[in-house]
Amino acid sequence: MNLLLALLLLCPAATELVERSPQALDTSVSSTEGLLAVAYEQHGTDPLEALTADLRQWDPDTEDRRSPPACLAPERRSWAGTWSLGRRYDSSTFTITEEEGSIQVELHTGGCLQSWTTNRIGRSFGSRLELSGPVKEYYATSPFRRLHLVQVRGDVYIVPSVYLQCVLDVVEAKGCDGISFANAGGCMFGRSP
């Protein structure tokens, strides 16, 4: 129990994962690793089961169906590339490839105690990408399967539907010209070089 307590003190996000009850596996998560996996193994709970339960129990009707404002529409709509977002205790990367009409999406996400990878197929609807199934980012409170392209001050970003309200709040408060990575960066994935 001392190891689990030490891990909880290291990362605030661990508390949410520890409180979840285990469920049967039935979704595709490519891999999971990390210190939390070791702690769970010692105490009879699998972190992959908690993640899988979140994905399996997710209700698509709860997903935000709004779109970003038209003033943030990108001039070019290319999904291909590596898109990253890092915060204090976590980071996530979407790797998106487009080949012969097929869009492959890999999300690798993790924090101080756990990481995982999920693979999905995407379907593009202009500046919105629908994934074949839900994914969950380490930091996100709920799964999602919609991604939006937005253009802010000349740079293009991905905004998952779970973070769309963040962008809408900044636009409402500051207008389209007032949004920047500095004031909405915690919810926008930037393209990596």
N, C-alpha and C. Protein backbone atom coordinates (compact mmCIF):
# COMPACT_ATOMS: atom_id res chain seq x y z
N MET A 1 0.82 -1.19 0.00
CA MET A 1 0.00 0.00 0.00
C MET A 1 0.87 1.26 0.00
N ASN A 2 2.07 1.20 0.55
CA ASN A 2 2.95 2.37 0.57
C ASN A 2 3.33 2.82 -0.83
N LEU A 3 3.57 1.87 -1.74
CA LEU A 3 3.91 2.21 -3.12
C LEU A 3 2.74 2.95 -3.78
N LEU A 4 1.53 2.47 -3.59
CA LEU A 4 0.36 3.12 -4.18
C LEU A 4 0.18 4.52 -3.63
N LEU A 5 0.35 4.71 -2.33
CA LEU A 5 0.23 6.03 -1.73
C LEU A 5 1.30 6.97 -2.28
N ALA A 6 2.51 6.49 -2.43
CA ALA A 6 3.59 7.31 -2.99
C ALA A 6 3.26 7.72 -4.42
N LEU A 7 2.71 6.82 -5.20
CA LEU A 7 2.35 7.14 -6.57
C LEU A 7 1.24 8.19 -6.63
N LEU A 8 0.29 8.09 -5.73
CA LEU A 8 -0.80 9.08 -5.70
C LEU A 8 -0.28 10.47 -5.36
N LEU A 9 0.71 10.54 -4.50
CA LEU A 9 1.27 11.84 -4.13
C LEU A 9 2.07 12.44 -5.28
N LEU A 10 2.66 11.60 -6.12
CA LEU A 10 3.45 12.08 -7.25
C LEU A 10 2.60 12.70 -8.34
N CYS A 11 1.39 12.22 -8.53
CA CYS A 11 0.59 12.67 -9.66
C CYS A 11 -0.88 12.77 -9.27
N PRO A 12 -1.45 13.96 -9.26
CA PRO A 12 -2.86 14.13 -8.89
C PRO A 12 -3.81 13.34 -9.77
N ALA A 13 -3.48 13.14 -11.03
CA ALA A 13 -4.38 12.42 -11.93
C ALA A 13 -4.53 10.96 -11.54
N ALA A 14 -3.62 10.42 -10.75
CA ALA A 14 -3.69 9.02 -10.36
C ALA A 14 -4.90 8.74 -9.49
N THR A 15 -5.34 9.70 -8.70
CA THR A 15 -6.47 9.49 -7.81
C THR A 15 -7.69 9.04 -8.58
N GLU A 16 -7.97 9.67 -9.72
CA GLU A 16 -9.13 9.30 -10.52
C GLU A 16 -9.02 7.86 -11.00
N LEU A 17 -7.84 7.43 -11.44
CA LEU A 17 -7.67 6.08 -11.94
C LEU A 17 -7.80 5.04 -10.84
N VAL A 18 -7.32 5.34 -9.65
CA VAL A 18 -7.35 4.39 -8.55
C VAL A 18 -8.78 4.14 -8.09
N GLU A 19 -9.64 5.16 -8.16
CA GLU A 19 -11.00 5.02 -7.66
C GLU A 19 -11.91 4.25 -8.60
N ARG A 20 -11.50 3.97 -9.81
CA ARG A 20 -12.34 3.25 -10.77
C ARG A 20 -12.35 1.76 -10.48
N SER A 21 -13.48 1.14 -10.72
CA SER A 21 -13.56 -0.31 -10.52
C SER A 21 -13.18 -1.02 -11.82
N PRO A 22 -12.59 -2.21 -11.72
CA PRO A 22 -12.17 -2.93 -12.92
C PRO A 22 -13.38 -3.45 -13.70
N GLN A 23 -13.25 -3.51 -15.03
CA GLN A 23 -14.28 -4.02 -15.93
C GLN A 23 -13.62 -4.99 -16.90
N ALA A 24 -14.42 -5.76 -17.58
CA ALA A 24 -13.89 -6.70 -18.57
C ALA A 24 -13.34 -5.95 -19.78
N LEU A 25 -12.31 -6.50 -20.41
CA LEU A 25 -11.71 -5.88 -21.58
C LEU A 25 -12.52 -6.19 -22.83
N ASP A 26 -12.82 -5.15 -23.63
CA ASP A 26 -13.50 -5.39 -24.89
C ASP A 26 -13.30 -4.26 -25.90
N THR A 27 -12.31 -3.43 -25.72
CA THR A 27 -11.99 -2.40 -26.70
C THR A 27 -10.53 -2.53 -27.08
N SER A 28 -10.13 -1.82 -28.14
CA SER A 28 -8.76 -1.98 -28.61
C SER A 28 -7.88 -0.85 -28.09
N VAL A 29 -7.04 -1.20 -27.15
CA VAL A 29 -5.98 -0.33 -26.67
C VAL A 29 -4.71 -1.08 -26.99
N SER A 30 -3.84 -0.47 -27.80
CA SER A 30 -2.68 -1.18 -28.32
C SER A 30 -1.70 -1.58 -27.23
N SER A 31 -1.43 -0.67 -26.31
CA SER A 31 -0.47 -1.00 -25.26
C SER A 31 -0.67 -0.07 -24.08
N THR A 32 -0.21 -0.55 -22.94
CA THR A 32 -0.24 0.27 -21.73
C THR A 32 1.00 -0.06 -20.92
N GLU A 33 1.55 0.94 -20.29
CA GLU A 33 2.75 0.72 -19.48
C GLU A 33 2.87 1.83 -18.45
N GLY A 34 3.71 1.62 -17.46
CA GLY A 34 3.98 2.67 -16.50
C GLY A 34 3.99 2.19 -15.07
N LEU A 35 4.31 3.11 -14.18
CA LEU A 35 4.40 2.81 -12.76
C LEU A 35 3.06 2.40 -12.17
N LEU A 36 1.97 3.01 -12.64
CA LEU A 36 0.67 2.67 -12.11
C LEU A 36 0.32 1.22 -12.41
N ALA A 37 0.76 0.71 -13.55
CA ALA A 37 0.53 -0.70 -13.89
C ALA A 37 1.17 -1.61 -12.86
N VAL A 38 2.36 -1.27 -12.40
CA VAL A 38 3.05 -2.06 -11.37
C VAL A 38 2.26 -2.03 -10.07
N ALA A 39 1.81 -0.84 -9.66
CA ALA A 39 1.04 -0.71 -8.42
C ALA A 39 -0.26 -1.49 -8.51
N TYR A 40 -0.94 -1.42 -9.65
CA TYR A 40 -2.18 -2.14 -9.81
C TYR A 40 -1.96 -3.65 -9.78
N GLU A 41 -0.87 -4.12 -10.40
CA GLU A 41 -0.58 -5.55 -10.39
C GLU A 41 -0.45 -6.05 -8.96
N GLN A 42 0.16 -5.27 -8.09
CA GLN A 42 0.35 -5.67 -6.70
C GLN A 42 -0.95 -5.67 -5.91
N HIS A 43 -1.96 -4.93 -6.39
CA HIS A 43 -3.19 -4.81 -5.63
C HIS A 43 -4.39 -5.40 -6.35
N GLY A 44 -4.16 -6.15 -7.44
CA GLY A 44 -5.21 -6.89 -8.09
C GLY A 44 -6.11 -6.12 -9.04
N THR A 45 -5.71 -4.97 -9.48
CA THR A 45 -6.52 -4.20 -10.43
C THR A 45 -5.65 -3.84 -11.62
N ASP A 46 -6.19 -3.98 -12.81
CA ASP A 46 -5.45 -3.70 -14.04
C ASP A 46 -5.85 -2.33 -14.58
N PRO A 47 -4.88 -1.42 -14.79
CA PRO A 47 -5.23 -0.10 -15.31
C PRO A 47 -5.81 -0.14 -16.72
N LEU A 48 -5.43 -1.15 -17.49
CA LEU A 48 -6.00 -1.30 -18.82
C LEU A 48 -7.50 -1.59 -18.73
N GLU A 49 -7.90 -2.32 -17.71
CA GLU A 49 -9.33 -2.60 -17.51
C GLU A 49 -10.10 -1.31 -17.22
N ALA A 50 -9.53 -0.41 -16.43
CA ALA A 50 -10.20 0.85 -16.12
C ALA A 50 -10.35 1.69 -17.39
N LEU A 51 -9.30 1.77 -18.18
CA LEU A 51 -9.35 2.52 -19.44
C LEU A 51 -10.36 1.90 -20.39
N THR A 52 -10.31 0.60 -20.53
CA THR A 52 -11.22 -0.10 -21.43
C THR A 52 -12.67 0.10 -21.00
N ALA A 53 -12.92 0.08 -19.71
CA ALA A 53 -14.27 0.31 -19.20
C ALA A 53 -14.76 1.71 -19.58
N ASP A 54 -13.89 2.70 -19.47
CA ASP A 54 -14.27 4.06 -19.87
C ASP A 54 -14.65 4.10 -21.34
N LEU A 55 -13.86 3.46 -22.19
CA LEU A 55 -14.13 3.46 -23.62
C LEU A 55 -15.41 2.68 -23.94
N ARG A 56 -15.60 1.55 -23.27
CA ARG A 56 -16.77 0.72 -23.53
C ARG A 56 -18.06 1.39 -23.04
N GLN A 57 -18.01 2.08 -21.93
CA GLN A 57 -19.20 2.67 -21.34
C GLN A 57 -19.51 4.06 -21.89
N TRP A 58 -18.63 4.59 -22.70
CA TRP A 58 -18.81 5.93 -23.24
C TRP A 58 -20.07 6.00 -24.10
N ASP A 59 -20.84 7.04 -23.91
CA ASP A 59 -22.07 7.26 -24.67
C ASP A 59 -21.81 8.34 -25.71
N PRO A 60 -21.87 8.00 -27.01
CA PRO A 60 -21.57 9.01 -28.04
C PRO A 60 -22.52 10.20 -28.01
N ASP A 61 -23.70 10.04 -27.43
CA ASP A 61 -24.63 11.16 -27.34
C ASP A 61 -24.16 12.24 -26.38
N THR A 62 -23.18 11.92 -25.54
CA THR A 62 -22.66 12.93 -24.60
C THR A 62 -21.59 13.81 -25.24
N GLU A 63 -21.10 13.42 -26.41
CA GLU A 63 -20.03 14.17 -27.06
C GLU A 63 -20.55 15.50 -27.60
N ASP A 64 -19.73 16.51 -27.47
CA ASP A 64 -20.07 17.85 -27.96
C ASP A 64 -20.18 17.80 -29.48
N ARG A 65 -21.33 18.11 -30.02
CA ARG A 65 -21.56 18.04 -31.46
C ARG A 65 -21.39 19.39 -32.15
N ARG A 66 -21.04 20.41 -31.39
CA ARG A 66 -20.83 21.72 -32.00
C ARG A 66 -19.54 21.73 -32.78
N SER A 67 -19.40 22.74 -33.60
CA SER A 67 -18.18 22.95 -34.38
C SER A 67 -17.52 24.23 -33.92
N PRO A 68 -16.22 24.37 -34.17
CA PRO A 68 -15.56 25.64 -33.86
C PRO A 68 -16.18 26.75 -34.71
N PRO A 69 -16.07 28.00 -34.29
CA PRO A 69 -16.62 29.10 -35.08
C PRO A 69 -15.97 29.17 -36.47
N ALA A 70 -16.74 29.66 -37.43
CA ALA A 70 -16.26 29.76 -38.82
C ALA A 70 -15.00 30.60 -38.92
N CYS A 71 -14.83 31.57 -38.04
CA CYS A 71 -13.65 32.43 -38.09
C CYS A 71 -12.35 31.68 -37.80
N LEU A 72 -12.45 30.45 -37.28
CA LEU A 72 -11.26 29.63 -36.99
C LEU A 72 -11.06 28.53 -38.04
N ALA A 73 -11.86 28.55 -39.10
CA ALA A 73 -11.74 27.52 -40.15
C ALA A 73 -10.38 27.62 -40.82
N PRO A 74 -9.70 26.49 -40.96
CA PRO A 74 -8.37 26.51 -41.59
C PRO A 74 -8.46 26.72 -43.10
N GLU A 75 -7.45 27.39 -43.64
CA GLU A 75 -7.39 27.59 -45.09
C GLU A 75 -7.12 26.26 -45.80
N ARG A 76 -6.23 25.45 -45.24
CA ARG A 76 -5.91 24.13 -45.78
C ARG A 76 -6.36 23.08 -44.78
N ARG A 77 -6.87 21.97 -45.29
CA ARG A 77 -7.39 20.93 -44.40
C ARG A 77 -6.62 19.63 -44.57
N SER A 78 -5.43 19.58 -44.06
CA SER A 78 -4.62 18.37 -44.11
C SER A 78 -4.49 17.81 -42.70
N TRP A 79 -4.90 16.58 -42.53
CA TRP A 79 -4.82 15.93 -41.23
C TRP A 79 -3.47 15.27 -41.00
N ALA A 80 -2.76 14.94 -42.06
CA ALA A 80 -1.52 14.17 -41.95
C ALA A 80 -0.48 14.90 -41.13
N GLY A 81 0.19 14.14 -40.28
CA GLY A 81 1.28 14.70 -39.48
C GLY A 81 1.23 14.21 -38.05
N THR A 82 2.11 14.77 -37.27
CA THR A 82 2.19 14.47 -35.85
C THR A 82 1.75 15.71 -35.10
N TRP A 83 0.79 15.54 -34.23
CA TRP A 83 0.18 16.65 -33.49
C TRP A 83 0.36 16.37 -32.00
N SER A 84 0.95 17.32 -31.27
CA SER A 84 1.29 17.08 -29.87
C SER A 84 0.74 18.14 -28.94
N LEU A 85 0.55 17.72 -27.70
CA LEU A 85 0.13 18.63 -26.63
C LEU A 85 0.77 18.13 -25.35
N GLY A 86 1.50 19.00 -24.68
CA GLY A 86 2.12 18.63 -23.42
C GLY A 86 1.67 19.57 -22.31
N ARG A 87 1.47 19.00 -21.16
CA ARG A 87 1.11 19.79 -19.98
C ARG A 87 2.10 19.44 -18.87
N ARG A 88 1.84 19.88 -17.69
CA ARG A 88 2.77 19.67 -16.58
C ARG A 88 2.99 18.19 -16.26
N TYR A 89 1.91 17.42 -16.17
CA TYR A 89 2.02 16.02 -15.77
C TYR A 89 1.74 15.02 -16.89
N ASP A 90 1.50 15.50 -18.09
CA ASP A 90 1.13 14.57 -19.15
C ASP A 90 1.48 15.13 -20.52
N SER A 91 1.41 14.25 -21.51
CA SER A 91 1.55 14.67 -22.91
C SER A 91 0.81 13.66 -23.77
N SER A 92 0.39 14.13 -24.94
CA SER A 92 -0.33 13.27 -25.88
C SER A 92 0.10 13.62 -27.29
N THR A 93 0.11 12.62 -28.15
CA THR A 93 0.48 12.81 -29.54
C THR A 93 -0.46 12.03 -30.44
N PHE A 94 -1.05 12.72 -31.41
CA PHE A 94 -1.79 12.07 -32.49
C PHE A 94 -0.83 11.94 -33.67
N THR A 95 -0.69 10.74 -34.21
CA THR A 95 0.05 10.54 -35.45
C THR A 95 -0.98 10.13 -36.49
N ILE A 96 -1.14 10.97 -37.50
CA ILE A 96 -2.19 10.75 -38.49
C ILE A 96 -1.55 10.59 -39.87
N THR A 97 -1.91 9.50 -40.54
CA THR A 97 -1.42 9.27 -41.91
C THR A 97 -2.62 9.14 -42.84
N GLU A 98 -2.46 9.70 -44.02
CA GLU A 98 -3.50 9.62 -45.05
C GLU A 98 -2.91 8.91 -46.26
N GLU A 99 -3.50 7.78 -46.63
CA GLU A 99 -3.03 7.03 -47.79
C GLU A 99 -4.22 6.47 -48.55
N GLU A 100 -4.32 6.81 -49.83
CA GLU A 100 -5.34 6.27 -50.72
C GLU A 100 -6.73 6.30 -50.11
N GLY A 101 -7.13 7.44 -49.59
CA GLY A 101 -8.48 7.60 -49.05
C GLY A 101 -8.68 7.07 -47.65
N SER A 102 -7.66 6.50 -47.06
CA SER A 102 -7.75 5.96 -45.70
C SER A 102 -6.97 6.88 -44.75
N ILE A 103 -7.56 7.14 -43.60
CA ILE A 103 -6.90 7.96 -42.59
C ILE A 103 -6.67 7.11 -41.35
N GLN A 104 -5.41 6.88 -41.02
CA GLN A 104 -5.02 6.10 -39.85
C GLN A 104 -4.66 7.06 -38.72
N VAL A 105 -5.21 6.82 -37.53
CA VAL A 105 -4.98 7.72 -36.39
C VAL A 105 -4.45 6.90 -35.22
N GLU A 106 -3.30 7.32 -34.71
CA GLU A 106 -2.74 6.71 -33.51
C GLU A 106 -2.66 7.78 -32.44
N LEU A 107 -3.18 7.49 -31.27
CA LEU A 107 -3.05 8.39 -30.12
C LEU A 107 -2.16 7.72 -29.10
N HIS A 108 -1.04 8.35 -28.82
CA HIS A 108 -0.19 7.90 -27.71
C HIS A 108 -0.29 8.96 -26.64
N THR A 109 -0.66 8.54 -25.44
CA THR A 109 -0.88 9.50 -24.36
C THR A 109 -0.36 8.92 -23.06
N GLY A 110 0.07 9.78 -22.17
CA GLY A 110 0.57 9.30 -20.89
C GLY A 110 0.88 10.44 -19.95
N GLY A 111 1.10 10.05 -18.73
CA GLY A 111 1.44 11.01 -17.69
C GLY A 111 2.49 10.42 -16.79
N CYS A 112 2.54 10.92 -15.58
CA CYS A 112 3.62 10.52 -14.67
C CYS A 112 3.50 9.07 -14.22
N LEU A 113 2.33 8.45 -14.37
CA LEU A 113 2.17 7.09 -13.87
C LEU A 113 1.75 6.06 -14.91
N GLN A 114 1.23 6.49 -16.04
CA GLN A 114 0.65 5.55 -16.98
C GLN A 114 0.73 6.10 -18.39
N SER A 115 0.79 5.22 -19.38
CA SER A 115 0.69 5.63 -20.78
C SER A 115 0.01 4.54 -21.56
N TRP A 116 -0.60 4.91 -22.68
CA TRP A 116 -1.23 3.93 -23.54
C TRP A 116 -1.30 4.44 -24.97
N THR A 117 -1.56 3.52 -25.89
CA THR A 117 -1.67 3.84 -27.31
C THR A 117 -2.97 3.23 -27.83
N THR A 118 -3.71 4.01 -28.59
CA THR A 118 -4.91 3.51 -29.25
C THR A 118 -4.81 3.83 -30.74
N ASN A 119 -5.34 2.95 -31.56
CA ASN A 119 -5.33 3.12 -33.01
C ASN A 119 -6.76 3.12 -33.52
N ARG A 120 -7.06 4.07 -34.38
CA ARG A 120 -8.39 4.18 -34.96
C ARG A 120 -8.29 4.54 -36.43
N ILE A 121 -9.39 4.39 -37.14
CA ILE A 121 -9.50 4.83 -38.53
C ILE A 121 -10.33 6.10 -38.50
N GLY A 122 -9.93 7.10 -39.28
CA GLY A 122 -10.64 8.36 -39.31
C GLY A 122 -11.39 8.56 -40.61
N ARG A 123 -12.44 9.34 -40.53
CA ARG A 123 -13.22 9.72 -41.71
C ARG A 123 -13.36 11.24 -41.68
N SER A 124 -12.88 11.88 -42.73
CA SER A 124 -12.83 13.34 -42.77
C SER A 124 -14.13 13.93 -43.32
N PHE A 125 -14.60 14.95 -42.61
CA PHE A 125 -15.73 15.76 -43.04
C PHE A 125 -15.26 17.21 -43.03
N GLY A 126 -14.40 17.54 -43.99
CA GLY A 126 -13.84 18.89 -44.04
C GLY A 126 -12.87 19.12 -42.90
N SER A 127 -13.21 20.01 -41.99
CA SER A 127 -12.32 20.30 -40.86
C SER A 127 -12.70 19.51 -39.61
N ARG A 128 -13.50 18.44 -39.77
CA ARG A 128 -13.85 17.54 -38.66
C ARG A 128 -13.44 16.13 -39.05
N LEU A 129 -12.84 15.42 -38.11
CA LEU A 129 -12.44 14.03 -38.32
C LEU A 129 -13.19 13.17 -37.32
N GLU A 130 -13.93 12.18 -37.82
CA GLU A 130 -14.66 11.24 -36.97
C GLU A 130 -13.82 9.96 -36.86
N LEU A 131 -13.55 9.54 -35.65
CA LEU A 131 -12.77 8.32 -35.44
C LEU A 131 -13.71 7.12 -35.39
N SER A 132 -13.18 5.94 -35.72
CA SER A 132 -13.98 4.72 -35.77
C SER A 132 -14.44 4.26 -34.39
N GLY A 133 -13.85 4.79 -33.36
CA GLY A 133 -14.23 4.45 -31.99
C GLY A 133 -13.67 5.49 -31.06
N PRO A 134 -14.11 5.48 -29.80
CA PRO A 134 -13.63 6.49 -28.86
C PRO A 134 -12.18 6.27 -28.46
N VAL A 135 -11.53 7.37 -28.11
CA VAL A 135 -10.19 7.36 -27.53
C VAL A 135 -10.24 8.22 -26.27
N LYS A 136 -9.26 8.06 -25.43
CA LYS A 136 -9.20 8.89 -24.23
C LYS A 136 -7.77 9.34 -24.02
N GLU A 137 -7.63 10.62 -23.81
CA GLU A 137 -6.33 11.20 -23.51
C GLU A 137 -6.10 11.09 -22.00
N TYR A 138 -4.86 10.99 -21.58
CA TYR A 138 -4.52 10.87 -20.17
C TYR A 138 -5.18 11.97 -19.34
N TYR A 139 -5.14 13.18 -19.82
CA TYR A 139 -5.66 14.35 -19.09
C TYR A 139 -7.17 14.48 -19.17
N ALA A 140 -7.78 14.00 -20.25
CA ALA A 140 -9.21 14.21 -20.49
C ALA A 140 -10.07 13.51 -19.46
N THR A 141 -11.18 14.15 -19.15
CA THR A 141 -12.11 13.56 -18.19
C THR A 141 -13.05 12.55 -18.84
N SER A 142 -13.20 12.61 -20.16
CA SER A 142 -14.07 11.65 -20.83
C SER A 142 -13.52 11.32 -22.21
N PRO A 143 -13.92 10.16 -22.74
CA PRO A 143 -13.50 9.78 -24.09
C PRO A 143 -14.12 10.69 -25.15
N PHE A 144 -13.60 10.59 -26.35
CA PHE A 144 -14.11 11.37 -27.47
C PHE A 144 -13.78 10.65 -28.76
N ARG A 145 -14.44 11.03 -29.85
CA ARG A 145 -14.09 10.47 -31.16
C ARG A 145 -14.14 11.50 -32.27
N ARG A 146 -14.29 12.78 -31.94
CA ARG A 146 -14.29 13.85 -32.93
C ARG A 146 -13.09 14.75 -32.72
N LEU A 147 -12.43 15.07 -33.84
CA LEU A 147 -11.33 16.02 -33.83
C LEU A 147 -11.69 17.15 -34.79
N HIS A 148 -11.29 18.37 -34.44
CA HIS A 148 -11.55 19.53 -35.29
C HIS A 148 -10.23 20.21 -35.63
N LEU A 149 -10.09 20.65 -36.88
CA LEU A 149 -8.97 21.50 -37.27
C LEU A 149 -9.38 22.95 -37.09
N VAL A 150 -8.52 23.75 -36.47
CA VAL A 150 -8.75 25.19 -36.34
C VAL A 150 -7.48 25.91 -36.74
N GLN A 151 -7.64 27.13 -37.20
CA GLN A 151 -6.49 27.96 -37.53
C GLN A 151 -6.49 29.17 -36.61
N VAL A 152 -5.40 29.33 -35.89
CA VAL A 152 -5.24 30.42 -34.94
C VAL A 152 -3.96 31.17 -35.27
N ARG A 153 -4.10 32.42 -35.63
CA ARG A 153 -2.96 33.28 -35.95
C ARG A 153 -2.01 32.63 -36.96
N GLY A 154 -2.58 32.00 -37.98
CA GLY A 154 -1.79 31.41 -39.05
C GLY A 154 -1.36 29.98 -38.83
N ASP A 155 -1.46 29.47 -37.60
CA ASP A 155 -1.06 28.09 -37.32
C ASP A 155 -2.31 27.21 -37.19
N VAL A 156 -2.19 25.97 -37.66
CA VAL A 156 -3.31 25.03 -37.61
C VAL A 156 -3.12 24.10 -36.42
N TYR A 157 -4.21 23.84 -35.71
CA TYR A 157 -4.21 22.99 -34.52
C TYR A 157 -5.35 21.98 -34.62
N ILE A 158 -5.24 20.90 -33.84
CA ILE A 158 -6.33 19.95 -33.66
C ILE A 158 -6.94 20.22 -32.29
N VAL A 159 -8.27 20.25 -32.25
CA VAL A 159 -9.00 20.38 -30.99
C VAL A 159 -9.94 19.19 -30.86
N PRO A 160 -9.70 18.28 -29.91
CA PRO A 160 -10.65 17.19 -29.68
C PRO A 160 -11.98 17.77 -29.16
N SER A 161 -13.07 17.10 -29.45
CA SER A 161 -14.39 17.61 -29.04
C SER A 161 -14.48 17.81 -27.54
N VAL A 162 -13.76 17.01 -26.78
CA VAL A 162 -13.81 17.13 -25.32
C VAL A 162 -13.24 18.48 -24.85
N TYR A 163 -12.44 19.15 -25.69
CA TYR A 163 -11.86 20.45 -25.34
C TYR A 163 -12.47 21.61 -26.13
N LEU A 164 -13.51 21.34 -26.91
CA LEU A 164 -14.10 22.38 -27.74
C LEU A 164 -14.63 23.54 -26.90
N GLN A 165 -15.22 23.26 -25.75
CA GLN A 165 -15.76 24.32 -24.91
C GLN A 165 -14.68 25.31 -24.51
N CYS A 166 -13.47 24.84 -24.28
CA CYS A 166 -12.34 25.71 -23.95
C CYS A 166 -12.13 26.75 -25.05
N VAL A 167 -12.12 26.31 -26.31
CA VAL A 167 -11.93 27.22 -27.44
C VAL A 167 -13.10 28.18 -27.55
N LEU A 168 -14.32 27.65 -27.41
CA LEU A 168 -15.50 28.50 -27.52
C LEU A 168 -15.53 29.58 -26.43
N ASP A 169 -15.09 29.23 -25.23
CA ASP A 169 -15.04 30.20 -24.12
C ASP A 169 -14.07 31.34 -24.43
N VAL A 170 -12.90 31.00 -24.96
CA VAL A 170 -11.91 32.04 -25.28
C VAL A 170 -12.41 32.93 -26.41
N VAL A 171 -13.02 32.33 -27.43
CA VAL A 171 -13.55 33.13 -28.55
C VAL A 171 -14.66 34.05 -28.05
N GLU A 172 -15.51 33.53 -27.16
CA GLU A 172 -16.59 34.37 -26.63
C GLU A 172 -16.03 35.54 -25.81
N ALA A 173 -15.01 35.29 -25.04
CA ALA A 173 -14.43 36.33 -24.18
C ALA A 173 -13.54 37.31 -24.94
N LYS A 174 -12.78 36.83 -25.92
CA LYS A 174 -11.77 37.66 -26.57
C LYS A 174 -11.98 37.86 -28.07
N GLY A 175 -12.92 37.13 -28.65
CA GLY A 175 -13.13 37.21 -30.09
C GLY A 175 -12.14 36.33 -30.83
N CYS A 176 -12.39 36.13 -32.11
CA CYS A 176 -11.52 35.26 -32.91
C CYS A 176 -10.09 35.80 -33.01
N ASP A 177 -9.95 37.11 -33.02
CA ASP A 177 -8.60 37.69 -33.08
C ASP A 177 -7.87 37.63 -31.74
N GLY A 178 -8.62 37.35 -30.66
CA GLY A 178 -8.01 37.31 -29.33
C GLY A 178 -7.56 35.94 -28.88
N ILE A 179 -7.91 34.92 -29.65
CA ILE A 179 -7.51 33.57 -29.25
C ILE A 179 -6.05 33.34 -29.65
N SER A 180 -5.32 32.65 -28.80
CA SER A 180 -3.93 32.32 -29.08
C SER A 180 -3.59 31.01 -28.40
N PHE A 181 -2.44 30.47 -28.73
CA PHE A 181 -2.00 29.26 -28.06
C PHE A 181 -1.79 29.53 -26.57
N ALA A 182 -1.40 30.76 -26.24
CA ALA A 182 -1.16 31.12 -24.84
C ALA A 182 -2.43 31.03 -23.99
N ASN A 183 -3.58 31.42 -24.56
CA ASN A 183 -4.80 31.42 -23.74
C ASN A 183 -5.72 30.23 -24.02
N ALA A 184 -5.41 29.40 -24.99
CA ALA A 184 -6.22 28.21 -25.25
C ALA A 184 -5.33 27.01 -25.56
N GLY A 185 -4.05 27.11 -25.26
CA GLY A 185 -3.09 26.06 -25.60
C GLY A 185 -3.30 24.74 -24.91
N GLY A 186 -3.93 24.75 -23.74
CA GLY A 186 -4.15 23.51 -23.03
C GLY A 186 -5.18 22.61 -23.67
N CYS A 187 -5.80 23.10 -24.75
CA CYS A 187 -6.81 22.29 -25.42
C CYS A 187 -6.57 22.16 -26.92
N MET A 188 -5.42 22.60 -27.39
CA MET A 188 -5.12 22.53 -28.83
C MET A 188 -3.82 21.76 -29.06
N PHE A 189 -3.86 20.81 -29.98
CA PHE A 189 -2.69 20.03 -30.35
C PHE A 189 -2.00 20.73 -31.52
N GLY A 190 -0.73 21.04 -31.36
CA GLY A 190 0.03 21.69 -32.42
C GLY A 190 0.75 20.67 -33.28
N ARG A 191 0.94 21.04 -34.54
CA ARG A 191 1.65 20.15 -35.47
C ARG A 191 3.13 20.18 -35.14
N SER A 192 3.70 19.00 -35.00
CA SER A 192 5.13 18.89 -34.72
C SER A 192 5.92 19.00 -36.02
N PRO A 193 7.11 19.59 -35.95
CA PRO A 193 7.93 19.71 -37.16
C PRO A 193 8.39 18.37 -37.69
